[in-house]
Amino acid sequence: MITLHPECRYFLYRVPVNINKSFYSLASIAREQMRAEPLSKDVFIFLNNRRNQLKLLVWQGDGFAIFHKRLEKGTFELPAFLHDQKHLVIPYSELLLILQGISLQKVQYRKRYNQQMLAR
């Protein structure tokens, strides 16, 4: 079972992947293309070309786990990328919006206490 936490980092890979890729192929993309360590607690997000399928890859200490979601209708929305970016680190809240099909362009966040902001 994959558990998602706000403390994790979420790496969204922009380049479409063959959704049939499995554990080690996706981990290789994370390591070589995203320059991240797949054996960390980070979560890696991959989409297919049509953006109607999504996979989350996470190392759970004793092995990899994959969450795979296929939409029967519609597509997953991607956040804005810079032209040459291949991946983006997104917040936990944005991943939840993507998974639920909520438009990222229309979401407005209200002010909240953030301990990280105070540390700056």
C-alpha atoms as a PDB file:
ATOM      1  CA  MET A   1       0.000   0.000   0.000  1.00  0.00           C
ATOM      2  CA  ILE A   2       1.329   3.419  -0.928  1.00  0.00           C
ATOM      3  CA  THR A   3       0.852   6.136   1.641  1.00  0.00           C
ATOM      4  CA  LEU A   4       1.305   9.729   0.561  1.00  0.00           C
ATOM      5  CA  HIS A   5       2.562  12.321   3.050  1.00  0.00           C
ATOM      6  CA  PRO A   6       2.969  16.098   2.814  1.00  0.00           C
ATOM      7  CA  GLU A   7       6.598  15.670   3.984  1.00  0.00           C
ATOM      8  CA  CYS A   8       7.585  13.649   0.891  1.00  0.00           C
ATOM      9  CA  ARG A   9       8.945  15.188  -2.287  1.00  0.00           C
ATOM     10  CA  TYR A  10       6.921  14.487  -5.425  1.00  0.00           C
ATOM     11  CA  PHE A  11       8.853  14.402  -8.692  1.00  0.00           C
ATOM     12  CA  LEU A  12       6.614  14.776 -11.755  1.00  0.00           C
ATOM     13  CA  TYR A  13       8.279  13.601 -14.964  1.00  0.00           C
ATOM     14  CA  ARG A  14       7.175  15.690 -17.944  1.00  0.00           C
ATOM     15  CA  VAL A  15       8.243  13.342 -20.750  1.00  0.00           C
ATOM     16  CA  PRO A  16       5.568  10.728 -21.551  1.00  0.00           C
ATOM     17  CA  VAL A  17       6.602   7.160 -20.719  1.00  0.00           C
ATOM     18  CA  ASN A  18       5.474   3.771 -21.905  1.00  0.00           C
ATOM     19  CA  ILE A  19       3.016   3.015 -19.115  1.00  0.00           C
ATOM     20  CA  ASN A  20       3.906  -0.689 -19.362  1.00  0.00           C
ATOM     21  CA  LYS A  21       7.294   0.077 -17.787  1.00  0.00           C
ATOM     22  CA  SER A  22       7.654  -1.475 -14.383  1.00  0.00           C
ATOM     23  CA  PHE A  23       9.669  -1.018 -11.197  1.00  0.00           C
ATOM     24  CA  TYR A  24      13.262  -1.008 -12.381  1.00  0.00           C
ATOM     25  CA  SER A  25      12.636   0.813 -15.666  1.00  0.00           C
ATOM     26  CA  LEU A  26      10.845   3.627 -13.850  1.00  0.00           C
ATOM     27  CA  ALA A  27      13.529   3.702 -11.139  1.00  0.00           C
ATOM     28  CA  SER A  28      16.138   4.005 -13.887  1.00  0.00           C
ATOM     29  CA  ILE A  29      14.315   7.032 -15.338  1.00  0.00           C
ATOM     30  CA  ALA A  30      14.215   8.595 -11.862  1.00  0.00           C
ATOM     31  CA  ARG A  31      17.941   8.062 -11.381  1.00  0.00           C
ATOM     32  CA  GLU A  32      19.232   8.910 -14.865  1.00  0.00           C
ATOM     33  CA  GLN A  33      16.776  11.496 -16.201  1.00  0.00           C
ATOM     34  CA  MET A  34      15.596  13.182 -13.005  1.00  0.00           C
ATOM     35  CA  ARG A  35      18.943  12.894 -11.196  1.00  0.00           C
ATOM     36  CA  ALA A  36      17.126  11.692  -8.062  1.00  0.00           C
ATOM     37  CA  GLU A  37      17.610   8.692  -5.803  1.00  0.00           C
ATOM     38  CA  PRO A  38      14.762   6.195  -6.285  1.00  0.00           C
ATOM     39  CA  LEU A  39      15.697   4.401  -3.030  1.00  0.00           C
ATOM     40  CA  SER A  40      14.686   7.483  -1.031  1.00  0.00           C
ATOM     41  CA  LYS A  41      11.226   8.196   0.345  1.00  0.00           C
ATOM     42  CA  ASP A  42      10.540  10.445  -2.663  1.00  0.00           C
ATOM     43  CA  VAL A  43       7.579   9.677  -4.922  1.00  0.00           C
ATOM     44  CA  PHE A  44       8.053   9.652  -8.698  1.00  0.00           C
ATOM     45  CA  ILE A  45       5.106  10.416 -10.978  1.00  0.00           C
ATOM     46  CA  PHE A  46       4.935   9.243 -14.601  1.00  0.00           C
ATOM     47  CA  LEU A  47       2.240   9.749 -17.243  1.00  0.00           C
ATOM     48  CA  ASN A  48       1.645   8.179 -20.620  1.00  0.00           C
ATOM     49  CA  ASN A  49       1.471  10.113 -23.898  1.00  0.00           C
ATOM     50  CA  ARG A  50      -2.315  10.589 -23.801  1.00  0.00           C
ATOM     51  CA  ARG A  51      -2.154  11.608 -20.100  1.00  0.00           C
ATOM     52  CA  ASN A  52      -4.994   9.250 -19.210  1.00  0.00           C
ATOM     53  CA  GLN A  53      -2.746   6.917 -17.198  1.00  0.00           C
ATOM     54  CA  LEU A  54      -0.486   7.726 -14.289  1.00  0.00           C
ATOM     55  CA  LYS A  55       1.966   5.717 -12.185  1.00  0.00           C
ATOM     56  CA  LEU A  56       3.471   6.616  -8.826  1.00  0.00           C
ATOM     57  CA  LEU A  57       6.694   4.849  -7.859  1.00  0.00           C
ATOM     58  CA  VAL A  58       7.956   4.834  -4.270  1.00  0.00           C
ATOM     59  CA  TRP A  59      10.593   2.864  -2.369  1.00  0.00           C
ATOM     60  CA  GLN A  60       9.149   1.448   0.862  1.00  0.00           C
ATOM     61  CA  GLY A  61      12.339   0.313   2.551  1.00  0.00           C
ATOM     62  CA  ASP A  62      12.059  -3.317   1.478  1.00  0.00           C
ATOM     63  CA  GLY A  63      10.980  -2.886  -2.142  1.00  0.00           C
ATOM     64  CA  PHE A  64       9.278  -0.660  -4.683  1.00  0.00           C
ATOM     65  CA  ALA A  65       5.529  -0.052  -4.793  1.00  0.00           C
ATOM     66  CA  ILE A  66       3.573   1.242  -7.776  1.00  0.00           C
ATOM     67  CA  PHE A  67       0.196   2.944  -7.808  1.00  0.00           C
ATOM     68  CA  HIS A  68      -1.356   2.876 -11.291  1.00  0.00           C
ATOM     69  CA  LYS A  69      -4.456   4.881 -12.210  1.00  0.00           C
ATOM     70  CA  ARG A  70      -6.171   4.808 -15.588  1.00  0.00           C
ATOM     71  CA  LEU A  71      -8.944   7.273 -16.370  1.00  0.00           C
ATOM     72  CA  GLU A  72     -11.915   5.972 -18.326  1.00  0.00           C
ATOM     73  CA  LYS A  73     -12.635   9.514 -19.521  1.00  0.00           C
ATOM     74  CA  GLY A  74     -10.598  12.706 -19.500  1.00  0.00           C
ATOM     75  CA  THR A  75      -6.925  13.415 -18.841  1.00  0.00           C
ATOM     76  CA  PHE A  76      -4.628  14.351 -15.989  1.00  0.00           C
ATOM     77  CA  GLU A  77      -3.687  18.031 -15.981  1.00  0.00           C
ATOM     78  CA  LEU A  78      -0.017  18.926 -15.776  1.00  0.00           C
ATOM     79  CA  PRO A  79       1.267  22.025 -13.981  1.00  0.00           C
ATOM     80  CA  ALA A  80       3.189  24.625 -15.951  1.00  0.00           C
ATOM     81  CA  PHE A  81       6.760  23.651 -16.821  1.00  0.00           C
ATOM     82  CA  LEU A  82       9.580  25.817 -18.055  1.00  0.00           C
ATOM     83  CA  HIS A  83      10.404  25.080 -21.704  1.00  0.00           C
ATOM     84  CA  ASP A  84      13.471  22.928 -21.022  1.00  0.00           C
ATOM     85  CA  GLN A  85      12.362  21.251 -17.778  1.00  0.00           C
ATOM     86  CA  LYS A  86      12.052  17.465 -17.861  1.00  0.00           C
ATOM     87  CA  HIS A  87      10.747  17.164 -14.325  1.00  0.00           C
ATOM     88  CA  LEU A  88       9.260  19.274 -11.592  1.00  0.00           C
ATOM     89  CA  VAL A  89       8.960  18.867  -7.831  1.00  0.00           C
ATOM     90  CA  ILE A  90       5.334  19.485  -6.908  1.00  0.00           C
ATOM     91  CA  PRO A  91       3.718  19.842  -3.472  1.00  0.00           C
ATOM     92  CA  TYR A  92       1.555  17.108  -1.979  1.00  0.00           C
ATOM     93  CA  SER A  93      -1.568  19.261  -2.342  1.00  0.00           C
ATOM     94  CA  GLU A  94      -0.990  19.660  -6.084  1.00  0.00           C
ATOM     95  CA  LEU A  95      -0.635  15.899  -6.550  1.00  0.00           C
ATOM     96  CA  LEU A  96      -3.989  15.401  -4.827  1.00  0.00           C
ATOM     97  CA  LEU A  97      -5.598  17.960  -7.143  1.00  0.00           C
ATOM     98  CA  ILE A  98      -4.137  16.211 -10.205  1.00  0.00           C
ATOM     99  CA  LEU A  99      -5.405  12.813  -9.016  1.00  0.00           C
ATOM    100  CA  GLN A 100      -8.884  14.204  -8.312  1.00  0.00           C
ATOM    101  CA  GLY A 101      -9.190  16.011 -11.649  1.00  0.00           C
ATOM    102  CA  ILE A 102      -9.352  19.526 -10.222  1.00  0.00           C
ATOM    103  CA  SER A 103      -8.112  22.278 -12.531  1.00  0.00           C
ATOM    104  CA  LEU A 104      -4.777  23.602 -11.303  1.00  0.00           C
ATOM    105  CA  GLN A 105      -5.324  26.969 -13.035  1.00  0.00           C
ATOM    106  CA  LYS A 106      -8.444  27.823 -11.020  1.00  0.00           C
ATOM    107  CA  VAL A 107      -7.298  26.817  -7.542  1.00  0.00           C
ATOM    108  CA  GLN A 108      -6.698  29.666  -5.128  1.00  0.00           C
ATOM    109  CA  TYR A 109      -4.844  28.972  -1.905  1.00  0.00           C
ATOM    110  CA  ARG A 110      -5.756  30.879   1.239  1.00  0.00           C
ATOM    111  CA  LYS A 111      -3.116  31.937   3.749  1.00  0.00           C
ATOM    112  CA  ARG A 112      -2.028  29.250   6.198  1.00  0.00           C
ATOM    113  CA  TYR A 113       0.609  28.938   8.862  1.00  0.00           C
ATOM    114  CA  ASN A 114       3.756  27.409   7.396  1.00  0.00           C
ATOM    115  CA  GLN A 115       6.675  26.672   9.695  1.00  0.00           C
ATOM    116  CA  GLN A 116       9.082  26.476   6.740  1.00  0.00           C
ATOM    117  CA  MET A 117       8.232  30.049   5.740  1.00  0.00           C
ATOM    118  CA  LEU A 118       9.159  31.290   9.240  1.00  0.00           C
ATOM    119  CA  ALA A 119      12.568  29.582   9.118  1.00  0.00           C
ATOM    120  CA  ARG A 120      13.701  31.778   6.194  1.00  0.00           C
END
